[in-house]
Amino acid sequence: MKIVKISLLHLSILILLGLISINSYGQVKVIIEKWDNDTPKVVKIFPGNGKDTSKYQVIHYYRSGKKLQDANYVDSHPEGKVCYWYEGDKCQQEAIYKGGKELQSKTFSEDGIIIETHVALEGNMDKDTKFYASGLKQSEITYDSLGLKQGKSSFWYKNGKLQKQGFFENDKEQGLWKF
């Protein structure tokens, strides 16, 4: 992140223009970008009067003014919970980050039903689980860092009955599969 020192006069002008404000919690709010209807598009919030610029929150907004994304950052990397929102104020995706790496995420339908989960596993592997609208599992697949299917994978019918299960190596089915 590039840190820019500004004079008290310039800061006062930015506050008057409404591009920077300091709220009652002592947080500095900076409007980074606005929509053509003058509503904020991207806002950065710095805690503690903005003294520590290595930690901040970024909020992206829809043109309507409703939240699109809300994330905390440490040293320019996402940290903690990151939320993406449907325009109707419901959570679309929630992810947990540590040190800039996604540890897990959940994706929701507009009805609030979990439709997909993602978990980072050890050894640069990831497991994705997809769900039917009923909440029953549709598939569970493990991927390597290149996005190739590796290891055990399972697939289910809408009624919850196992459709097939087996192993992948470099995105190709290997050995005997259970049907």
Foldseek 3Di string as FASTA:
>chain_A
DDDDDDDPVVVVVCVVVVQWDQDPQLKIKGQPDADPVRAGQKIKIAGNVNPDVQKIWIWGADNVNHTAKIFIGGNNATAAWIFGADSVGHTQKIFHDDPNDTAKMFGADPVGATAKMWGQDPPQKIWMWGADPVNATAKIFIAHNVRATAAKMWGADNVNHTPKIAGDDRNDGDDDMDD
